[in-house]
Amino acid sequence: LREVFEKRLNPPELLPESFDATQHKFNRFLAALIPKSTTDSSDEGFFSAGWTEEEVAEVKDHIRKHGLDSATGEDAVLYGEILEIPNDALAYLCNECIRRRDVIALESCILKLLTLLIHKRITKWAVARGLTPDYQNGFREGYRANNNPFILRCVKERARANGFTVYVAAVDATNAFPSTDHPTLWLKLIRMGMGGAIFD
């Protein structure tokens, strides 16, 4: 999957002045040393255990609640058709894709299902390790992105009531994800304890 998605990345052409150029170069060097096959060091097997029928059922429930009308990929297969596939068959397919490192098909609903399984497994790992901070509402189950505007409103009202000034900055994060420096990201994830077939 990595090679497929790397083509869609949009790193900056020139390294921003705020970056430590020496550290950036060193991170690229270290990331190149990450083996193609890593070891899952988690006792729970977050990154090496195969997906279960129960996990597939959980993802199917998520899709039913949030995305049945999602666009199809080039294969023109709808989520509704995928939801009819038995959970054991979908678990087997997704496990084989990870084991064999096969790409399913770019932007198909099956690929979206697989990436949702990966997302849920990483989320469970992050929660179990206390790695997701409270302010990351968009990445925490049961939280929503509108929690932060509510908090900001409370800050504003409290500041007004107490005669304080509040300064707020709006950051344009339009290119945040495709421009993420992947060598630095991979190193950070390895240092946090990621490793295993799903990480690979």
N, C-alpha and C. Protein backbone atom coordinates (compact mmCIF):
# COMPACT_ATOMS: atom_id res chain seq x y z
N LEU A 1 0.82 -1.20 0.00
CA LEU A 1 0.00 0.00 0.00
C LEU A 1 0.86 1.26 0.00
N ARG A 2 1.99 1.17 0.68
CA ARG A 2 2.82 2.37 0.83
C ARG A 2 3.19 2.98 -0.51
N GLU A 3 3.63 2.14 -1.45
CA GLU A 3 4.06 2.65 -2.76
C GLU A 3 2.90 3.32 -3.49
N VAL A 4 1.69 2.77 -3.31
CA VAL A 4 0.51 3.33 -3.97
C VAL A 4 0.23 4.73 -3.45
N PHE A 5 0.28 4.89 -2.13
CA PHE A 5 -0.07 6.17 -1.54
C PHE A 5 1.05 7.20 -1.60
N GLU A 6 2.30 6.74 -1.66
CA GLU A 6 3.41 7.70 -1.73
C GLU A 6 3.32 8.59 -2.96
N LYS A 7 2.76 8.07 -4.04
CA LYS A 7 2.62 8.86 -5.26
C LYS A 7 1.69 10.05 -5.06
N ARG A 8 0.83 9.98 -4.04
CA ARG A 8 -0.15 11.03 -3.81
C ARG A 8 0.34 12.07 -2.80
N LEU A 9 1.50 11.87 -2.24
CA LEU A 9 2.02 12.79 -1.24
C LEU A 9 2.43 14.11 -1.87
N ASN A 10 2.49 15.11 -1.04
CA ASN A 10 2.82 16.45 -1.53
C ASN A 10 3.80 17.12 -0.57
N PRO A 11 5.02 16.58 -0.46
CA PRO A 11 5.98 17.20 0.46
C PRO A 11 6.42 18.56 -0.08
N PRO A 12 6.86 19.45 0.80
CA PRO A 12 7.31 20.76 0.32
C PRO A 12 8.55 20.62 -0.56
N GLU A 13 8.62 21.44 -1.61
CA GLU A 13 9.79 21.39 -2.50
C GLU A 13 11.04 21.86 -1.78
N LEU A 14 10.90 22.88 -0.96
CA LEU A 14 12.00 23.38 -0.15
C LEU A 14 11.67 23.15 1.32
N LEU A 15 12.65 22.69 2.07
CA LEU A 15 12.45 22.45 3.49
C LEU A 15 12.18 23.78 4.19
N PRO A 16 11.07 23.90 4.94
CA PRO A 16 10.79 25.16 5.64
C PRO A 16 11.91 25.52 6.61
N GLU A 17 12.10 26.81 6.83
CA GLU A 17 13.16 27.28 7.72
C GLU A 17 12.97 26.76 9.14
N SER A 18 11.73 26.49 9.51
CA SER A 18 11.45 26.02 10.87
C SER A 18 11.94 24.58 11.10
N PHE A 19 12.25 23.86 10.03
CA PHE A 19 12.75 22.49 10.15
C PHE A 19 14.24 22.51 10.48
N ASP A 20 14.68 21.56 11.27
CA ASP A 20 16.09 21.35 11.52
C ASP A 20 16.61 20.48 10.38
N ALA A 21 17.34 21.09 9.45
CA ALA A 21 17.78 20.38 8.23
C ALA A 21 18.66 19.18 8.56
N THR A 22 19.52 19.31 9.55
CA THR A 22 20.40 18.21 9.93
C THR A 22 19.59 17.04 10.49
N GLN A 23 18.64 17.36 11.36
CA GLN A 23 17.78 16.31 11.93
C GLN A 23 16.94 15.66 10.85
N HIS A 24 16.43 16.46 9.92
CA HIS A 24 15.62 15.95 8.82
C HIS A 24 16.43 14.95 7.99
N LYS A 25 17.66 15.30 7.68
CA LYS A 25 18.54 14.41 6.90
C LYS A 25 18.83 13.13 7.69
N PHE A 26 19.08 13.28 8.99
CA PHE A 26 19.35 12.14 9.86
C PHE A 26 18.13 11.22 9.95
N ASN A 27 16.93 11.81 10.04
CA ASN A 27 15.69 11.01 10.09
C ASN A 27 15.53 10.19 8.81
N ARG A 28 15.84 10.79 7.67
CA ARG A 28 15.75 10.06 6.40
C ARG A 28 16.72 8.87 6.40
N PHE A 29 17.91 9.11 6.91
CA PHE A 29 18.92 8.05 6.99
C PHE A 29 18.43 6.91 7.89
N LEU A 30 17.94 7.27 9.10
CA LEU A 30 17.47 6.25 10.04
C LEU A 30 16.24 5.51 9.52
N ALA A 31 15.32 6.23 8.90
CA ALA A 31 14.10 5.60 8.37
C ALA A 31 14.44 4.59 7.28
N ALA A 32 15.49 4.86 6.52
CA ALA A 32 15.91 3.92 5.47
C ALA A 32 16.43 2.62 6.08
N LEU A 33 16.80 2.65 7.36
CA LEU A 33 17.30 1.45 8.04
C LEU A 33 16.19 0.60 8.66
N ILE A 34 14.95 1.12 8.67
CA ILE A 34 13.84 0.32 9.21
C ILE A 34 13.68 -0.90 8.31
N PRO A 35 13.73 -2.10 8.89
CA PRO A 35 13.62 -3.30 8.05
C PRO A 35 12.25 -3.41 7.38
N LYS A 36 12.22 -4.11 6.26
CA LYS A 36 10.96 -4.32 5.53
C LYS A 36 9.97 -5.11 6.39
N SER A 37 10.51 -5.95 7.26
CA SER A 37 9.66 -6.76 8.14
C SER A 37 10.04 -6.46 9.58
N THR A 38 9.09 -5.92 10.36
CA THR A 38 9.35 -5.54 11.74
C THR A 38 8.63 -6.49 12.69
N THR A 39 8.92 -6.36 13.97
CA THR A 39 8.32 -7.23 14.99
C THR A 39 7.30 -6.45 15.80
N ASP A 40 6.17 -7.07 16.04
CA ASP A 40 5.13 -6.49 16.88
C ASP A 40 5.53 -6.72 18.33
N SER A 41 5.85 -5.65 19.05
CA SER A 41 6.28 -5.78 20.44
C SER A 41 5.12 -5.68 21.44
N SER A 42 3.91 -5.46 20.94
CA SER A 42 2.76 -5.33 21.86
C SER A 42 2.31 -6.71 22.32
N ASP A 43 2.02 -6.83 23.62
CA ASP A 43 1.52 -8.10 24.16
C ASP A 43 0.20 -8.49 23.52
N GLU A 44 -0.58 -7.48 23.12
CA GLU A 44 -1.90 -7.74 22.55
C GLU A 44 -1.85 -8.15 21.08
N GLY A 45 -0.70 -8.01 20.44
CA GLY A 45 -0.58 -8.36 19.02
C GLY A 45 -1.32 -7.39 18.12
N PHE A 46 -1.31 -6.10 18.49
CA PHE A 46 -2.06 -5.10 17.73
C PHE A 46 -1.69 -5.09 16.25
N PHE A 47 -0.42 -5.33 15.93
CA PHE A 47 0.03 -5.18 14.54
C PHE A 47 0.40 -6.50 13.87
N SER A 48 0.16 -7.61 14.57
CA SER A 48 0.48 -8.91 13.96
C SER A 48 -0.70 -9.88 13.98
N ALA A 49 -1.62 -9.71 14.90
CA ALA A 49 -2.77 -10.62 14.97
C ALA A 49 -3.69 -10.38 13.77
N GLY A 50 -4.20 -11.47 13.23
CA GLY A 50 -5.14 -11.35 12.12
C GLY A 50 -6.46 -10.74 12.59
N TRP A 51 -7.18 -10.13 11.64
CA TRP A 51 -8.48 -9.58 11.99
C TRP A 51 -9.47 -10.70 12.20
N THR A 52 -10.37 -10.48 13.11
CA THR A 52 -11.38 -11.48 13.45
C THR A 52 -12.71 -11.13 12.79
N GLU A 53 -13.61 -12.09 12.81
CA GLU A 53 -14.96 -11.84 12.29
C GLU A 53 -15.63 -10.72 13.09
N GLU A 54 -15.34 -10.66 14.40
CA GLU A 54 -15.93 -9.63 15.25
C GLU A 54 -15.45 -8.24 14.83
N GLU A 55 -14.16 -8.12 14.50
CA GLU A 55 -13.65 -6.82 14.05
C GLU A 55 -14.27 -6.40 12.72
N VAL A 56 -14.44 -7.35 11.84
CA VAL A 56 -15.10 -7.06 10.55
C VAL A 56 -16.53 -6.62 10.80
N ALA A 57 -17.23 -7.30 11.72
CA ALA A 57 -18.61 -6.92 12.05
C ALA A 57 -18.66 -5.49 12.60
N GLU A 58 -17.67 -5.14 13.44
CA GLU A 58 -17.60 -3.78 13.99
C GLU A 58 -17.42 -2.74 12.88
N VAL A 59 -16.57 -3.04 11.92
CA VAL A 59 -16.34 -2.13 10.80
C VAL A 59 -17.59 -2.04 9.92
N LYS A 60 -18.25 -3.17 9.71
CA LYS A 60 -19.49 -3.14 8.93
C LYS A 60 -20.53 -2.24 9.61
N ASP A 61 -20.64 -2.34 10.95
CA ASP A 61 -21.57 -1.47 11.68
C ASP A 61 -21.20 0.00 11.49
N HIS A 62 -19.91 0.28 11.54
CA HIS A 62 -19.43 1.66 11.33
C HIS A 62 -19.83 2.15 9.94
N ILE A 63 -19.63 1.32 8.94
CA ILE A 63 -19.97 1.70 7.56
C ILE A 63 -21.48 1.93 7.43
N ARG A 64 -22.27 1.07 8.04
CA ARG A 64 -23.74 1.24 7.98
C ARG A 64 -24.15 2.58 8.57
N LYS A 65 -23.47 2.99 9.64
CA LYS A 65 -23.83 4.25 10.31
C LYS A 65 -23.28 5.48 9.60
N HIS A 66 -22.13 5.34 8.92
CA HIS A 66 -21.44 6.53 8.42
C HIS A 66 -21.20 6.62 6.93
N GLY A 67 -21.31 5.53 6.18
CA GLY A 67 -20.84 5.69 4.81
C GLY A 67 -21.38 4.76 3.75
N LEU A 68 -22.60 4.34 3.85
CA LEU A 68 -23.14 3.44 2.83
C LEU A 68 -23.19 4.08 1.46
N ASP A 69 -23.30 5.40 1.41
CA ASP A 69 -23.42 6.09 0.12
C ASP A 69 -22.07 6.56 -0.42
N SER A 70 -20.98 6.00 0.11
CA SER A 70 -19.64 6.37 -0.35
C SER A 70 -19.45 6.00 -1.81
N ALA A 71 -18.65 6.79 -2.50
CA ALA A 71 -18.38 6.53 -3.92
C ALA A 71 -17.64 5.21 -4.09
N THR A 72 -17.90 4.56 -5.20
CA THR A 72 -17.21 3.31 -5.52
C THR A 72 -15.83 3.62 -6.09
N GLY A 73 -15.02 2.59 -6.19
CA GLY A 73 -13.75 2.73 -6.89
C GLY A 73 -13.95 2.37 -8.35
N GLU A 74 -12.85 2.13 -9.05
CA GLU A 74 -12.94 1.77 -10.47
C GLU A 74 -13.67 0.44 -10.67
N ASP A 75 -13.69 -0.39 -9.63
CA ASP A 75 -14.38 -1.68 -9.76
C ASP A 75 -15.90 -1.55 -9.69
N ALA A 76 -16.40 -0.37 -9.33
CA ALA A 76 -17.84 -0.07 -9.24
C ALA A 76 -18.58 -0.93 -8.22
N VAL A 77 -17.86 -1.46 -7.23
CA VAL A 77 -18.47 -2.26 -6.18
C VAL A 77 -18.93 -1.32 -5.06
N LEU A 78 -20.18 -1.45 -4.66
CA LEU A 78 -20.76 -0.61 -3.61
C LEU A 78 -20.54 -1.23 -2.23
N TYR A 79 -20.57 -0.37 -1.21
CA TYR A 79 -20.48 -0.89 0.16
C TYR A 79 -21.58 -1.90 0.45
N GLY A 80 -22.77 -1.65 -0.08
CA GLY A 80 -23.88 -2.58 0.14
C GLY A 80 -23.54 -4.00 -0.28
N GLU A 81 -22.81 -4.11 -1.39
CA GLU A 81 -22.39 -5.44 -1.87
C GLU A 81 -21.35 -6.06 -0.94
N ILE A 82 -20.45 -5.24 -0.44
CA ILE A 82 -19.40 -5.73 0.46
C ILE A 82 -20.01 -6.18 1.78
N LEU A 83 -21.02 -5.46 2.26
CA LEU A 83 -21.65 -5.82 3.52
C LEU A 83 -22.35 -7.18 3.45
N GLU A 84 -22.65 -7.63 2.26
CA GLU A 84 -23.28 -8.95 2.09
C GLU A 84 -22.26 -10.09 2.13
N ILE A 85 -20.98 -9.78 2.00
CA ILE A 85 -19.94 -10.81 2.06
C ILE A 85 -19.82 -11.27 3.51
N PRO A 86 -19.77 -12.58 3.76
CA PRO A 86 -19.65 -13.08 5.14
C PRO A 86 -18.41 -12.52 5.84
N ASN A 87 -18.54 -12.27 7.13
CA ASN A 87 -17.45 -11.68 7.91
C ASN A 87 -16.18 -12.51 7.87
N ASP A 88 -16.32 -13.84 7.91
CA ASP A 88 -15.12 -14.68 7.89
C ASP A 88 -14.38 -14.56 6.57
N ALA A 89 -15.12 -14.40 5.47
CA ALA A 89 -14.49 -14.26 4.15
C ALA A 89 -13.77 -12.91 4.04
N LEU A 90 -14.39 -11.85 4.56
CA LEU A 90 -13.73 -10.53 4.53
C LEU A 90 -12.50 -10.52 5.43
N ALA A 91 -12.60 -11.13 6.60
CA ALA A 91 -11.44 -11.21 7.50
C ALA A 91 -10.30 -11.95 6.80
N TYR A 92 -10.62 -13.06 6.15
CA TYR A 92 -9.60 -13.84 5.44
C TYR A 92 -8.96 -12.99 4.33
N LEU A 93 -9.78 -12.31 3.53
CA LEU A 93 -9.26 -11.48 2.44
C LEU A 93 -8.32 -10.40 2.97
N CYS A 94 -8.75 -9.68 4.00
CA CYS A 94 -7.93 -8.59 4.54
C CYS A 94 -6.65 -9.12 5.17
N ASN A 95 -6.74 -10.25 5.88
CA ASN A 95 -5.55 -10.85 6.48
C ASN A 95 -4.56 -11.30 5.41
N GLU A 96 -5.07 -11.86 4.32
CA GLU A 96 -4.19 -12.29 3.23
C GLU A 96 -3.52 -11.09 2.55
N CYS A 97 -4.25 -9.99 2.42
CA CYS A 97 -3.65 -8.79 1.80
C CYS A 97 -2.48 -8.29 2.62
N ILE A 98 -2.62 -8.32 3.95
CA ILE A 98 -1.52 -7.88 4.82
C ILE A 98 -0.40 -8.91 4.79
N ARG A 99 -0.75 -10.19 4.90
CA ARG A 99 0.28 -11.25 4.92
C ARG A 99 1.10 -11.25 3.64
N ARG A 100 0.41 -11.11 2.51
CA ARG A 100 1.10 -11.17 1.22
C ARG A 100 1.53 -9.79 0.72
N ARG A 101 1.12 -8.76 1.47
CA ARG A 101 1.44 -7.37 1.10
C ARG A 101 0.91 -7.01 -0.27
N ASP A 102 -0.30 -7.44 -0.54
CA ASP A 102 -0.95 -7.14 -1.82
C ASP A 102 -1.82 -5.90 -1.68
N VAL A 103 -1.82 -5.09 -2.71
CA VAL A 103 -2.75 -3.96 -2.78
C VAL A 103 -4.03 -4.49 -3.40
N ILE A 104 -5.16 -4.13 -2.81
CA ILE A 104 -6.44 -4.62 -3.33
C ILE A 104 -6.76 -3.91 -4.63
N ALA A 105 -7.07 -2.66 -4.55
CA ALA A 105 -7.35 -1.82 -5.72
C ALA A 105 -7.52 -0.42 -5.18
N LEU A 106 -6.85 0.50 -5.79
CA LEU A 106 -6.85 1.86 -5.28
C LEU A 106 -8.26 2.42 -5.22
N GLU A 107 -8.61 2.92 -4.06
CA GLU A 107 -9.87 3.61 -3.80
C GLU A 107 -11.12 2.75 -3.99
N SER A 108 -11.00 1.45 -3.89
CA SER A 108 -12.19 0.61 -3.92
C SER A 108 -12.79 0.59 -2.51
N CYS A 109 -14.04 0.17 -2.42
CA CYS A 109 -14.69 0.08 -1.11
C CYS A 109 -14.03 -1.00 -0.25
N ILE A 110 -13.49 -2.05 -0.86
CA ILE A 110 -12.77 -3.08 -0.09
C ILE A 110 -11.52 -2.47 0.53
N LEU A 111 -10.80 -1.64 -0.23
CA LEU A 111 -9.61 -0.98 0.32
C LEU A 111 -10.01 -0.06 1.47
N LYS A 112 -11.12 0.64 1.31
CA LYS A 112 -11.60 1.52 2.39
C LYS A 112 -11.92 0.69 3.63
N LEU A 113 -12.51 -0.49 3.44
CA LEU A 113 -12.81 -1.37 4.56
C LEU A 113 -11.51 -1.81 5.24
N LEU A 114 -10.52 -2.19 4.45
CA LEU A 114 -9.23 -2.61 5.00
C LEU A 114 -8.56 -1.48 5.77
N THR A 115 -8.57 -0.27 5.22
CA THR A 115 -7.93 0.85 5.93
C THR A 115 -8.71 1.21 7.19
N LEU A 116 -10.02 0.99 7.19
CA LEU A 116 -10.80 1.22 8.41
C LEU A 116 -10.45 0.19 9.47
N LEU A 117 -10.22 -1.06 9.07
CA LEU A 117 -9.75 -2.08 10.01
C LEU A 117 -8.40 -1.68 10.60
N ILE A 118 -7.50 -1.20 9.75
CA ILE A 118 -6.18 -0.75 10.23
C ILE A 118 -6.35 0.42 11.19
N HIS A 119 -7.18 1.39 10.81
CA HIS A 119 -7.42 2.56 11.66
C HIS A 119 -7.94 2.14 13.04
N LYS A 120 -8.90 1.23 13.06
CA LYS A 120 -9.47 0.81 14.35
C LYS A 120 -8.44 0.08 15.20
N ARG A 121 -7.58 -0.73 14.56
CA ARG A 121 -6.54 -1.44 15.31
C ARG A 121 -5.52 -0.45 15.88
N ILE A 122 -5.12 0.53 15.09
CA ILE A 122 -4.17 1.54 15.58
C ILE A 122 -4.80 2.36 16.70
N THR A 123 -6.08 2.68 16.56
CA THR A 123 -6.78 3.44 17.60
C THR A 123 -6.80 2.66 18.91
N LYS A 124 -7.09 1.35 18.85
CA LYS A 124 -7.10 0.53 20.07
C LYS A 124 -5.71 0.52 20.71
N TRP A 125 -4.68 0.43 19.89
CA TRP A 125 -3.30 0.45 20.39
C TRP A 125 -3.01 1.79 21.07
N ALA A 126 -3.37 2.89 20.42
CA ALA A 126 -3.09 4.22 20.96
C ALA A 126 -3.85 4.45 22.27
N VAL A 127 -5.09 4.01 22.34
CA VAL A 127 -5.88 4.16 23.57
C VAL A 127 -5.27 3.31 24.68
N ALA A 128 -4.89 2.06 24.37
CA ALA A 128 -4.30 1.17 25.37
C ALA A 128 -2.99 1.72 25.92
N ARG A 129 -2.29 2.50 25.12
CA ARG A 129 -1.00 3.07 25.54
C ARG A 129 -1.13 4.51 26.04
N GLY A 130 -2.33 5.07 26.01
CA GLY A 130 -2.54 6.46 26.44
C GLY A 130 -1.83 7.46 25.54
N LEU A 131 -1.76 7.17 24.24
CA LEU A 131 -1.00 8.00 23.31
C LEU A 131 -1.81 9.11 22.65
N THR A 132 -3.13 9.04 22.71
CA THR A 132 -3.94 10.05 22.04
C THR A 132 -4.34 11.11 23.05
N PRO A 133 -3.86 12.34 22.89
CA PRO A 133 -4.18 13.39 23.86
C PRO A 133 -5.66 13.80 23.79
N ASP A 134 -6.15 14.37 24.88
CA ASP A 134 -7.56 14.76 24.96
C ASP A 134 -7.99 15.70 23.84
N TYR A 135 -7.08 16.57 23.40
CA TYR A 135 -7.48 17.56 22.39
C TYR A 135 -7.56 16.98 20.98
N GLN A 136 -7.19 15.74 20.78
CA GLN A 136 -7.29 15.10 19.46
C GLN A 136 -8.67 14.47 19.31
N ASN A 137 -9.70 15.30 19.35
CA ASN A 137 -11.07 14.80 19.33
C ASN A 137 -11.39 14.00 18.07
N GLY A 138 -10.87 14.39 16.94
CA GLY A 138 -11.19 13.71 15.69
C GLY A 138 -10.67 12.29 15.62
N PHE A 139 -9.76 11.93 16.53
CA PHE A 139 -9.15 10.60 16.50
C PHE A 139 -9.58 9.75 17.69
N ARG A 140 -10.56 10.23 18.46
CA ARG A 140 -10.98 9.49 19.64
C ARG A 140 -12.43 9.07 19.51
N GLU A 141 -12.69 7.80 19.74
CA GLU A 141 -14.04 7.24 19.63
C GLU A 141 -14.99 7.99 20.57
N GLY A 142 -16.13 8.39 20.04
CA GLY A 142 -17.13 9.07 20.85
C GLY A 142 -16.94 10.57 20.97
N TYR A 143 -15.85 11.10 20.44
CA TYR A 143 -15.60 12.54 20.46
C TYR A 143 -15.81 13.08 19.06
N ARG A 144 -16.07 14.34 18.97
CA ARG A 144 -16.30 14.96 17.67
C ARG A 144 -15.44 16.20 17.54
N ALA A 145 -15.24 16.62 16.32
CA ALA A 145 -14.42 17.81 16.06
C ALA A 145 -15.07 19.07 16.62
N ASN A 146 -16.38 19.05 16.85
CA ASN A 146 -17.02 20.26 17.37
C ASN A 146 -16.82 20.44 18.87
N ASN A 147 -16.15 19.50 19.54
CA ASN A 147 -15.80 19.70 20.94
C ASN A 147 -14.87 20.89 21.09
N ASN A 148 -13.91 21.03 20.18
CA ASN A 148 -12.93 22.12 20.29
C ASN A 148 -13.56 23.50 20.14
N PRO A 149 -14.46 23.74 19.17
CA PRO A 149 -15.11 25.05 19.13
C PRO A 149 -15.92 25.34 20.40
N PHE A 150 -16.51 24.31 20.99
CA PHE A 150 -17.24 24.50 22.24
C PHE A 150 -16.28 24.95 23.34
N ILE A 151 -15.12 24.30 23.43
CA ILE A 151 -14.12 24.68 24.43
C ILE A 151 -13.66 26.12 24.19
N LEU A 152 -13.43 26.47 22.92
CA LEU A 152 -13.02 27.84 22.58
C LEU A 152 -14.09 28.84 23.02
N ARG A 153 -15.34 28.50 22.79
CA ARG A 153 -16.43 29.40 23.20
C ARG A 153 -16.43 29.57 24.72
N CYS A 154 -16.22 28.49 25.46
CA CYS A 154 -16.16 28.57 26.92
C CYS A 154 -15.01 29.46 27.37
N VAL A 155 -13.86 29.31 26.71
CA VAL A 155 -12.70 30.16 27.03
C VAL A 155 -13.03 31.62 26.79
N LYS A 156 -13.66 31.90 25.66
CA LYS A 156 -14.04 33.28 25.32
C LYS A 156 -14.99 33.86 26.36
N GLU A 157 -16.01 33.09 26.71
CA GLU A 157 -17.00 33.58 27.68
C GLU A 157 -16.38 33.80 29.05
N ARG A 158 -15.50 32.89 29.45
CA ARG A 158 -14.84 33.05 30.76
C ARG A 158 -13.90 34.25 30.75
N ALA A 159 -13.17 34.43 29.64
CA ALA A 159 -12.27 35.58 29.53
C ALA A 159 -13.06 36.88 29.58
N ARG A 160 -14.17 36.91 28.86
CA ARG A 160 -15.02 38.12 28.85
C ARG A 160 -15.54 38.41 30.26
N ALA A 161 -15.99 37.38 30.95
CA ALA A 161 -16.54 37.56 32.30
C ALA A 161 -15.48 38.04 33.29
N ASN A 162 -14.22 37.65 33.06
CA ASN A 162 -13.13 38.03 33.98
C ASN A 162 -12.28 39.18 33.47
N GLY A 163 -12.65 39.75 32.31
CA GLY A 163 -11.91 40.89 31.77
C GLY A 163 -10.55 40.55 31.18
N PHE A 164 -10.37 39.31 30.73
CA PHE A 164 -9.10 38.91 30.11
C PHE A 164 -9.20 39.02 28.59
N THR A 165 -8.05 39.15 27.95
CA THR A 165 -7.98 39.13 26.49
C THR A 165 -7.57 37.73 26.04
N VAL A 166 -8.22 37.23 25.01
CA VAL A 166 -7.88 35.92 24.45
C VAL A 166 -7.42 36.12 23.02
N TYR A 167 -6.29 35.55 22.68
CA TYR A 167 -5.77 35.62 21.31
C TYR A 167 -5.97 34.25 20.65
N VAL A 168 -6.49 34.26 19.45
CA VAL A 168 -6.78 33.02 18.72
C VAL A 168 -6.12 33.10 17.35
N ALA A 169 -5.55 31.99 16.92
CA ALA A 169 -4.96 31.92 15.58
C ALA A 169 -5.65 30.82 14.79
N ALA A 170 -5.97 31.11 13.56
CA ALA A 170 -6.53 30.09 12.66
C ALA A 170 -5.40 29.61 11.76
N VAL A 171 -5.14 28.32 11.78
CA VAL A 171 -4.04 27.75 11.02
C VAL A 171 -4.59 27.06 9.78
N ASP A 172 -4.02 27.36 8.64
CA ASP A 172 -4.43 26.71 7.39
C ASP A 172 -3.71 25.37 7.30
N ALA A 173 -4.45 24.30 7.52
CA ALA A 173 -3.86 22.96 7.48
C ALA A 173 -4.27 22.21 6.21
N THR A 174 -4.51 22.95 5.14
CA THR A 174 -4.98 22.37 3.88
C THR A 174 -4.08 21.24 3.40
N ASN A 175 -2.79 21.42 3.50
CA ASN A 175 -1.84 20.45 2.96
C ASN A 175 -1.16 19.63 4.08
N ALA A 176 -1.77 19.59 5.25
CA ALA A 176 -1.12 18.98 6.41
C ALA A 176 -0.80 17.50 6.20
N PHE A 177 -1.76 16.71 5.77
CA PHE A 177 -1.52 15.27 5.68
C PHE A 177 -0.63 14.87 4.51
N PRO A 178 -0.89 15.35 3.30
CA PRO A 178 -0.01 14.92 2.21
C PRO A 178 1.41 15.46 2.31
N SER A 179 1.62 16.51 3.12
CA SER A 179 2.97 17.07 3.21
C SER A 179 3.72 16.58 4.45
N THR A 180 3.14 15.66 5.20
CA THR A 180 3.81 15.12 6.38
C THR A 180 5.12 14.46 5.98
N ASP A 181 6.16 14.71 6.76
CA ASP A 181 7.46 14.10 6.47
C ASP A 181 7.43 12.64 6.93
N HIS A 182 7.35 11.74 5.99
CA HIS A 182 7.15 10.32 6.32
C HIS A 182 8.33 9.66 7.01
N PRO A 183 9.58 9.94 6.65
CA PRO A 183 10.68 9.33 7.42
C PRO A 183 10.59 9.67 8.91
N THR A 184 10.28 10.92 9.23
CA THR A 184 10.14 11.32 10.63
C THR A 184 8.95 10.61 11.27
N LEU A 185 7.85 10.51 10.54
CA LEU A 185 6.66 9.84 11.06
C LEU A 185 6.94 8.36 11.34
N TRP A 186 7.57 7.65 10.39
CA TRP A 186 7.86 6.22 10.59
C TRP A 186 8.76 6.02 11.80
N LEU A 187 9.78 6.88 11.95
CA LEU A 187 10.68 6.76 13.10
C LEU A 187 9.93 6.97 14.41
N LYS A 188 9.07 7.97 14.43
CA LYS A 188 8.31 8.25 15.65
C LYS A 188 7.42 7.06 16.01
N LEU A 189 6.75 6.47 15.02
CA LEU A 189 5.88 5.33 15.28
C LEU A 189 6.66 4.13 15.79
N ILE A 190 7.83 3.87 15.20
CA ILE A 190 8.70 2.77 15.67
C ILE A 190 9.10 3.02 17.12
N ARG A 191 9.49 4.26 17.44
CA ARG A 191 9.92 4.59 18.80
C ARG A 191 8.77 4.47 19.80
N MET A 192 7.54 4.65 19.32
CA MET A 192 6.37 4.54 20.20
C MET A 192 5.97 3.08 20.40
N GLY A 193 6.57 2.17 19.63
CA GLY A 193 6.31 0.75 19.83
C GLY A 193 5.57 0.06 18.70
N MET A 194 5.35 0.74 17.58
CA MET A 194 4.70 0.08 16.45
C MET A 194 5.67 -0.87 15.77
N GLY A 195 5.14 -1.91 15.20
CA GLY A 195 5.93 -2.88 14.46
C GLY A 195 5.07 -4.10 14.20
N GLY A 196 5.36 -4.83 13.16
CA GLY A 196 4.58 -6.01 12.82
C GLY A 196 3.99 -5.88 11.43
N ALA A 197 3.28 -6.90 11.01
CA ALA A 197 2.79 -6.99 9.63
C ALA A 197 1.93 -5.81 9.22
N ILE A 198 1.04 -5.35 10.08
CA ILE A 198 0.18 -4.23 9.72
C ILE A 198 1.00 -2.96 9.55
N PHE A 199 1.98 -2.75 10.40
CA PHE A 199 2.88 -1.60 10.27
C PHE A 199 3.70 -1.70 8.99
N ASP A 200 4.20 -2.90 8.72
CA ASP A 200 5.05 -3.10 7.54
C ASP A 200 4.30 -2.75 6.27
